[in-house]
PDB file of all heavy atoms in Angstrom:
ATOM      1  N   ARG A   1       9.536 -10.156  18.896  1.00  0.00           N
ATOM      2  CA  ARG A   1       9.062  -9.640  17.612  1.00  0.00           C
ATOM      3  C   ARG A   1       7.546  -9.799  17.489  1.00  0.00           C
ATOM      4  O   ARG A   1       6.857  -8.908  16.979  1.00  0.00           O
ATOM      5  CB  ARG A   1       9.760 -10.381  16.470  1.00  0.00           C
ATOM      6  CG  ARG A   1       9.368  -9.839  15.095  1.00  0.00           C
ATOM      7  CD  ARG A   1      10.065 -10.578  13.971  1.00  0.00           C
ATOM      8  NE  ARG A   1       9.668 -11.976  13.901  1.00  0.00           N
ATOM      9  CZ  ARG A   1      10.030 -12.797  12.927  1.00  0.00           C
ATOM     10  NH1 ARG A   1      10.826 -12.371  11.963  1.00  0.00           N
ATOM     11  NH2 ARG A   1       9.633 -14.053  12.923  1.00  0.00           N
ATOM     12  N   LYS A   2       7.043 -10.936  17.958  1.00  0.00           N
ATOM     13  CA  LYS A   2       5.596 -11.153  17.910  1.00  0.00           C
ATOM     14  C   LYS A   2       4.870 -10.096  18.730  1.00  0.00           C
ATOM     15  O   LYS A   2       3.883  -9.505  18.278  1.00  0.00           O
ATOM     16  CB  LYS A   2       5.271 -12.553  18.432  1.00  0.00           C
ATOM     17  CG  LYS A   2       3.786 -12.893  18.408  1.00  0.00           C
ATOM     18  CD  LYS A   2       3.538 -14.291  18.947  1.00  0.00           C
ATOM     19  CE  LYS A   2       2.057 -14.620  18.959  1.00  0.00           C
ATOM     20  NZ  LYS A   2       1.790 -15.979  19.507  1.00  0.00           N
ATOM     21  N   ASP A   3       5.384  -9.842  19.952  1.00  0.00           N
ATOM     22  CA  ASP A   3       4.777  -8.819  20.802  1.00  0.00           C
ATOM     23  C   ASP A   3       4.881  -7.446  20.150  1.00  0.00           C
ATOM     24  O   ASP A   3       3.931  -6.644  20.193  1.00  0.00           O
ATOM     25  CB  ASP A   3       5.452  -8.793  22.174  1.00  0.00           C
ATOM     26  CG  ASP A   3       5.209 -10.069  22.965  1.00  0.00           C
ATOM     27  OD1 ASP A   3       4.265 -10.808  22.613  1.00  0.00           O
ATOM     28  OD2 ASP A   3       5.963 -10.328  23.921  1.00  0.00           O
ATOM     29  N   ALA A   4       6.057  -7.170  19.535  1.00  0.00           N
ATOM     30  CA  ALA A   4       6.253  -5.866  18.884  1.00  0.00           C
ATOM     31  C   ALA A   4       5.298  -5.703  17.707  1.00  0.00           C
ATOM     32  O   ALA A   4       4.771  -4.606  17.467  1.00  0.00           O
ATOM     33  CB  ALA A   4       7.706  -5.725  18.425  1.00  0.00           C
ATOM     34  N   ARG A   5       5.071  -6.792  16.974  1.00  0.00           N
ATOM     35  CA  ARG A   5       4.128  -6.731  15.855  1.00  0.00           C
ATOM     36  C   ARG A   5       2.719  -6.429  16.346  1.00  0.00           C
ATOM     37  O   ARG A   5       1.978  -5.654  15.738  1.00  0.00           O
ATOM     38  CB  ARG A   5       4.137  -8.052  15.094  1.00  0.00           C
ATOM     39  CG  ARG A   5       5.282  -8.177  14.107  1.00  0.00           C
ATOM     40  CD  ARG A   5       5.239  -9.510  13.379  1.00  0.00           C
ATOM     41  NE  ARG A   5       6.237  -9.586  12.335  1.00  0.00           N
ATOM     42  CZ  ARG A   5       6.540 -10.680  11.665  1.00  0.00           C
ATOM     43  NH1 ARG A   5       5.914 -11.813  11.969  1.00  0.00           N
ATOM     44  NH2 ARG A   5       7.454 -10.673  10.721  1.00  0.00           N
ATOM     45  N   VAL A   6       2.349  -7.084  17.446  1.00  0.00           N
ATOM     46  CA  VAL A   6       1.015  -6.851  18.009  1.00  0.00           C
ATOM     47  C   VAL A   6       0.868  -5.394  18.420  1.00  0.00           C
ATOM     48  O   VAL A   6      -0.138  -4.733  18.106  1.00  0.00           O
ATOM     49  CB  VAL A   6       0.771  -7.790  19.212  1.00  0.00           C
ATOM     50  CG1 VAL A   6      -0.508  -7.390  19.947  1.00  0.00           C
ATOM     51  CG2 VAL A   6       0.694  -9.235  18.757  1.00  0.00           C
ATOM     52  N   GLU A   7       1.887  -4.865  19.124  1.00  0.00           N
ATOM     53  CA  GLU A   7       1.836  -3.468  19.572  1.00  0.00           C
ATOM     54  C   GLU A   7       1.825  -2.522  18.379  1.00  0.00           C
ATOM     55  O   GLU A   7       1.101  -1.515  18.374  1.00  0.00           O
ATOM     56  CB  GLU A   7       3.023  -3.168  20.483  1.00  0.00           C
ATOM     57  CG  GLU A   7       2.976  -3.872  21.819  1.00  0.00           C
ATOM     58  CD  GLU A   7       1.718  -3.544  22.597  1.00  0.00           C
ATOM     59  OE1 GLU A   7       1.340  -2.350  22.645  1.00  0.00           O
ATOM     60  OE2 GLU A   7       1.091  -4.477  23.140  1.00  0.00           O
ATOM     61  N   ALA A   8       2.657  -2.821  17.361  1.00  0.00           N
ATOM     62  CA  ALA A   8       2.696  -1.961  16.173  1.00  0.00           C
ATOM     63  C   ALA A   8       1.352  -1.972  15.456  1.00  0.00           C
ATOM     64  O   ALA A   8       0.878  -0.931  14.972  1.00  0.00           O
ATOM     65  CB  ALA A   8       3.812  -2.413  15.237  1.00  0.00           C
ATOM     66  N   GLU A   9       0.725  -3.136  15.379  1.00  0.00           N
ATOM     67  CA  GLU A   9      -0.573  -3.228  14.710  1.00  0.00           C
ATOM     68  C   GLU A   9      -1.640  -2.480  15.498  1.00  0.00           C
ATOM     69  O   GLU A   9      -2.502  -1.802  14.901  1.00  0.00           O
ATOM     70  CB  GLU A   9      -0.970  -4.696  14.532  1.00  0.00           C
ATOM     71  CG  GLU A   9      -2.270  -4.907  13.776  1.00  0.00           C
ATOM     72  CD  GLU A   9      -2.253  -4.315  12.380  1.00  0.00           C
ATOM     73  OE1 GLU A   9      -1.161  -4.176  11.789  1.00  0.00           O
ATOM     74  OE2 GLU A   9      -3.347  -3.983  11.868  1.00  0.00           O
ATOM     75  N   LYS A  10      -1.578  -2.582  16.832  1.00  0.00           N
ATOM     76  CA  LYS A  10      -2.534  -1.827  17.660  1.00  0.00           C
ATOM     77  C   LYS A  10      -2.368  -0.333  17.417  1.00  0.00           C
ATOM     78  O   LYS A  10      -3.350   0.399  17.230  1.00  0.00           O
ATOM     79  CB  LYS A  10      -2.308  -2.143  19.143  1.00  0.00           C
ATOM     80  CG  LYS A  10      -2.806  -3.503  19.590  1.00  0.00           C
ATOM     81  CD  LYS A  10      -2.541  -3.686  21.083  1.00  0.00           C
ATOM     82  CE  LYS A  10      -3.016  -5.043  21.569  1.00  0.00           C
ATOM     83  NZ  LYS A  10      -2.712  -5.240  23.014  1.00  0.00           N
ATOM     84  N   ALA A  11      -1.114   0.129  17.454  1.00  0.00           N
ATOM     85  CA  ALA A  11      -0.852   1.548  17.242  1.00  0.00           C
ATOM     86  C   ALA A  11      -1.252   1.963  15.832  1.00  0.00           C
ATOM     87  O   ALA A  11      -1.786   3.064  15.612  1.00  0.00           O
ATOM     88  CB  ALA A  11       0.631   1.846  17.480  1.00  0.00           C
ATOM     89  N   ARG A  12      -0.992   1.084  14.858  1.00  0.00           N
ATOM     90  CA  ARG A  12      -1.351   1.389  13.471  1.00  0.00           C
ATOM     91  C   ARG A  12      -2.864   1.539  13.328  1.00  0.00           C
ATOM     92  O   ARG A  12      -3.347   2.482  12.676  1.00  0.00           O
ATOM     93  CB  ARG A  12      -0.849   0.278  12.563  1.00  0.00           C
ATOM     94  CG  ARG A  12      -1.153   0.477  11.088  1.00  0.00           C
ATOM     95  CD  ARG A  12      -0.509  -0.639  10.266  1.00  0.00           C
ATOM     96  NE  ARG A  12      -0.794  -0.501   8.865  1.00  0.00           N
ATOM     97  CZ  ARG A  12      -1.870  -0.980   8.249  1.00  0.00           C
ATOM     98  NH1 ARG A  12      -2.764  -1.665   8.964  1.00  0.00           N
ATOM     99  NH2 ARG A  12      -2.054  -0.802   6.955  1.00  0.00           N
ATOM    100  N   GLN A  13      -3.618   0.621  13.929  1.00  0.00           N
ATOM    101  CA  GLN A  13      -5.078   0.702  13.851  1.00  0.00           C
ATOM    102  C   GLN A  13      -5.593   1.968  14.530  1.00  0.00           C
ATOM    103  O   GLN A  13      -6.519   2.621  14.030  1.00  0.00           O
ATOM    104  CB  GLN A  13      -5.711  -0.542  14.485  1.00  0.00           C
ATOM    105  CG  GLN A  13      -5.463  -1.826  13.718  1.00  0.00           C
ATOM    106  CD  GLN A  13      -5.973  -1.777  12.293  1.00  0.00           C
ATOM    107  OE1 GLN A  13      -6.999  -1.154  12.014  1.00  0.00           O
ATOM    108  NE2 GLN A  13      -5.242  -2.406  11.378  1.00  0.00           N
ATOM    109  N   ALA A  14      -4.957   2.325  15.658  1.00  0.00           N
ATOM    110  CA  ALA A  14      -5.357   3.552  16.353  1.00  0.00           C
ATOM    111  C   ALA A  14      -5.068   4.767  15.477  1.00  0.00           C
ATOM    112  O   ALA A  14      -5.884   5.704  15.394  1.00  0.00           O
ATOM    113  CB  ALA A  14      -4.617   3.665  17.684  1.00  0.00           C
ATOM    114  N   ASP A  15      -3.904   4.762  14.806  1.00  0.00           N
ATOM    115  CA  ASP A  15      -3.562   5.886  13.929  1.00  0.00           C
ATOM    116  C   ASP A  15      -4.522   5.966  12.746  1.00  0.00           C
ATOM    117  O   ASP A  15      -4.940   7.057  12.343  1.00  0.00           O
ATOM    118  CB  ASP A  15      -2.133   5.726  13.419  1.00  0.00           C
ATOM    119  CG  ASP A  15      -1.111   6.255  14.422  1.00  0.00           C
ATOM    120  OD1 ASP A  15      -1.495   6.434  15.593  1.00  0.00           O
ATOM    121  OD2 ASP A  15       0.044   6.479  14.033  1.00  0.00           O
ATOM    122  N   LEU A  16      -4.840   4.795  12.172  1.00  0.00           N
ATOM    123  CA  LEU A  16      -5.758   4.796  11.039  1.00  0.00           C
ATOM    124  C   LEU A  16      -7.122   5.344  11.435  1.00  0.00           C
ATOM    125  O   LEU A  16      -7.757   6.080  10.664  1.00  0.00           O
ATOM    126  CB  LEU A  16      -5.898   3.371  10.485  1.00  0.00           C
ATOM    127  CG  LEU A  16      -4.687   2.842   9.717  1.00  0.00           C
ATOM    128  CD1 LEU A  16      -4.886   1.375   9.364  1.00  0.00           C
ATOM    129  CD2 LEU A  16      -4.448   3.654   8.455  1.00  0.00           C
ATOM    130  N   ALA A  17      -7.545   5.011  12.640  1.00  0.00           N
ATOM    131  CA  ALA A  17      -8.828   5.539  13.125  1.00  0.00           C
ATOM    132  C   ALA A  17      -8.753   7.059  13.254  1.00  0.00           C
ATOM    133  O   ALA A  17      -9.701   7.779  12.895  1.00  0.00           O
ATOM    134  CB  ALA A  17      -9.179   4.905  14.466  1.00  0.00           C
ATOM    135  N   THR A  18      -7.605   7.535  13.756  1.00  0.00           N
ATOM    136  CA  THR A  18      -7.429   8.989  13.885  1.00  0.00           C
ATOM    137  C   THR A  18      -7.409   9.648  12.511  1.00  0.00           C
ATOM    138  O   THR A  18      -8.022  10.699  12.303  1.00  0.00           O
ATOM    139  CB  THR A  18      -6.124   9.302  14.638  1.00  0.00           C
ATOM    140  OG1 THR A  18      -6.193   8.737  15.941  1.00  0.00           O
ATOM    141  CG2 THR A  18      -5.907  10.800  14.749  1.00  0.00           C
ATOM    142  N   LEU A  19      -6.694   9.034  11.556  1.00  0.00           N
ATOM    143  CA  LEU A  19      -6.622   9.601  10.210  1.00  0.00           C
ATOM    144  C   LEU A  19      -7.998   9.612   9.540  1.00  0.00           C
ATOM    145  O   LEU A  19      -8.341  10.556   8.818  1.00  0.00           O
ATOM    146  CB  LEU A  19      -5.627   8.809   9.370  1.00  0.00           C
ATOM    147  CG  LEU A  19      -4.154   8.992   9.744  1.00  0.00           C
ATOM    148  CD1 LEU A  19      -3.285   8.042   8.943  1.00  0.00           C
ATOM    149  CD2 LEU A  19      -3.715  10.433   9.525  1.00  0.00           C
ATOM    150  N   GLN A  20      -8.778   8.566   9.785  1.00  0.00           N
ATOM    151  CA  GLN A  20     -10.124   8.543   9.219  1.00  0.00           C
ATOM    152  C   GLN A  20     -10.983   9.660   9.803  1.00  0.00           C
ATOM    153  O   GLN A  20     -11.808  10.255   9.105  1.00  0.00           O
ATOM    154  CB  GLN A  20     -10.773   7.182   9.468  1.00  0.00           C
ATOM    155  CG  GLN A  20     -10.158   6.061   8.630  1.00  0.00           C
ATOM    156  CD  GLN A  20     -10.668   4.692   9.028  1.00  0.00           C
ATOM    157  OE1 GLN A  20     -11.429   4.567   9.984  1.00  0.00           O
ATOM    158  NE2 GLN A  20     -10.241   3.659   8.306  1.00  0.00           N
ATOM    159  N   SER A  21     -10.762   9.939  11.086  1.00  0.00           N
ATOM    160  CA  SER A  21     -11.533  11.014  11.711  1.00  0.00           C
ATOM    161  C   SER A  21     -11.163  12.373  11.128  1.00  0.00           C
ATOM    162  O   SER A  21     -11.976  13.316  11.165  1.00  0.00           O
ATOM    163  CB  SER A  21     -11.307  11.015  13.225  1.00  0.00           C
ATOM    164  OG  SER A  21      -9.996  11.456  13.547  1.00  0.00           O
ATOM    165  N   LEU A  22      -9.928  12.464  10.573  1.00  0.00           N
ATOM    166  CA  LEU A  22      -9.518  13.735   9.968  1.00  0.00           C
ATOM    167  C   LEU A  22     -10.368  14.071   8.748  1.00  0.00           C
ATOM    168  O   LEU A  22     -10.560  15.257   8.428  1.00  0.00           O
ATOM    169  CB  LEU A  22      -8.039  13.675   9.562  1.00  0.00           C
ATOM    170  CG  LEU A  22      -7.021  13.626  10.697  1.00  0.00           C
ATOM    171  CD1 LEU A  22      -5.606  13.615  10.134  1.00  0.00           C
ATOM    172  CD2 LEU A  22      -7.191  14.800  11.642  1.00  0.00           C
ATOM    173  N   GLU A  23     -10.852  13.055   8.046  1.00  0.00           N
ATOM    174  CA  GLU A  23     -11.705  13.312   6.898  1.00  0.00           C
ATOM    175  C   GLU A  23     -12.977  14.044   7.328  1.00  0.00           C
ATOM    176  O   GLU A  23     -13.412  14.987   6.656  1.00  0.00           O
ATOM    177  CB  GLU A  23     -12.050  12.003   6.209  1.00  0.00           C
ATOM    178  CG  GLU A  23     -10.827  11.283   5.617  1.00  0.00           C
ATOM    179  CD  GLU A  23     -11.196   9.973   4.976  1.00  0.00           C
ATOM    180  OE1 GLU A  23     -12.420   9.670   4.921  1.00  0.00           O
ATOM    181  OE2 GLU A  23     -10.290   9.251   4.535  1.00  0.00           O
ATOM    182  N   PHE A  24     -13.556  13.598   8.453  1.00  0.00           N
ATOM    183  CA  PHE A  24     -14.744  14.289   8.962  1.00  0.00           C
ATOM    184  C   PHE A  24     -14.382  15.704   9.411  1.00  0.00           C
ATOM    185  O   PHE A  24     -15.152  16.642   9.219  1.00  0.00           O
ATOM    186  CB  PHE A  24     -15.348  13.497  10.132  1.00  0.00           C
ATOM    187  CG  PHE A  24     -15.822  12.127   9.740  1.00  0.00           C
ATOM    188  CD1 PHE A  24     -15.058  10.998  10.024  1.00  0.00           C
ATOM    189  CD2 PHE A  24     -17.039  11.953   9.088  1.00  0.00           C
ATOM    190  CE1 PHE A  24     -15.492   9.737   9.661  1.00  0.00           C
ATOM    191  CE2 PHE A  24     -17.481  10.689   8.731  1.00  0.00           C
ATOM    192  CZ  PHE A  24     -16.704   9.571   9.013  1.00  0.00           C
ATOM    193  N   GLU A  25     -13.168  15.846   9.976  1.00  0.00           N
ATOM    194  CA  GLU A  25     -12.712  17.159  10.419  1.00  0.00           C
ATOM    195  C   GLU A  25     -12.572  18.101   9.227  1.00  0.00           C
ATOM    196  O   GLU A  25     -12.986  19.261   9.273  1.00  0.00           O
ATOM    197  CB  GLU A  25     -11.374  17.010  11.146  1.00  0.00           C
ATOM    198  CG  GLU A  25     -10.811  18.277  11.737  1.00  0.00           C
ATOM    199  CD  GLU A  25     -11.569  18.757  12.948  1.00  0.00           C
ATOM    200  OE1 GLU A  25     -12.452  18.028  13.449  1.00  0.00           O
ATOM    201  OE2 GLU A  25     -11.296  19.881  13.386  1.00  0.00           O
ATOM    202  N   ARG A  26     -11.976  17.579   8.130  1.00  0.00           N
ATOM    203  CA  ARG A  26     -11.807  18.413   6.938  1.00  0.00           C
ATOM    204  C   ARG A  26     -13.167  18.797   6.341  1.00  0.00           C
ATOM    205  O   ARG A  26     -13.381  19.933   5.906  1.00  0.00           O
ATOM    206  CB  ARG A  26     -10.981  17.665   5.901  1.00  0.00           C
ATOM    207  CG  ARG A  26      -9.523  17.510   6.279  1.00  0.00           C
ATOM    208  CD  ARG A  26      -8.818  16.542   5.373  1.00  0.00           C
ATOM    209  NE  ARG A  26      -7.449  16.293   5.815  1.00  0.00           N
ATOM    210  CZ  ARG A  26      -6.755  15.204   5.517  1.00  0.00           C
ATOM    211  NH1 ARG A  26      -7.312  14.249   4.784  1.00  0.00           N
ATOM    212  NH2 ARG A  26      -5.517  15.050   5.953  1.00  0.00           N
ATOM    213  N   ASP A  27     -14.077  17.819   6.324  1.00  0.00           N
ATOM    214  CA  ASP A  27     -15.411  18.105   5.792  1.00  0.00           C
ATOM    215  C   ASP A  27     -16.106  19.171   6.641  1.00  0.00           C
ATOM    216  O   ASP A  27     -16.803  20.051   6.097  1.00  0.00           O
ATOM    217  CB  ASP A  27     -16.263  16.833   5.769  1.00  0.00           C
ATOM    218  CG  ASP A  27     -15.765  15.823   4.747  1.00  0.00           C
ATOM    219  OD1 ASP A  27     -14.985  16.228   3.852  1.00  0.00           O
ATOM    220  OD2 ASP A  27     -16.139  14.631   4.846  1.00  0.00           O
TER     221      ASP A  27
END
């Protein structure tokens, strides 16, 4: 579970970075 949490958090941070980049794309 600890490893899964770490992987999920890594993926979540990567997704958030992608979503933030969408704001620049929309602009």
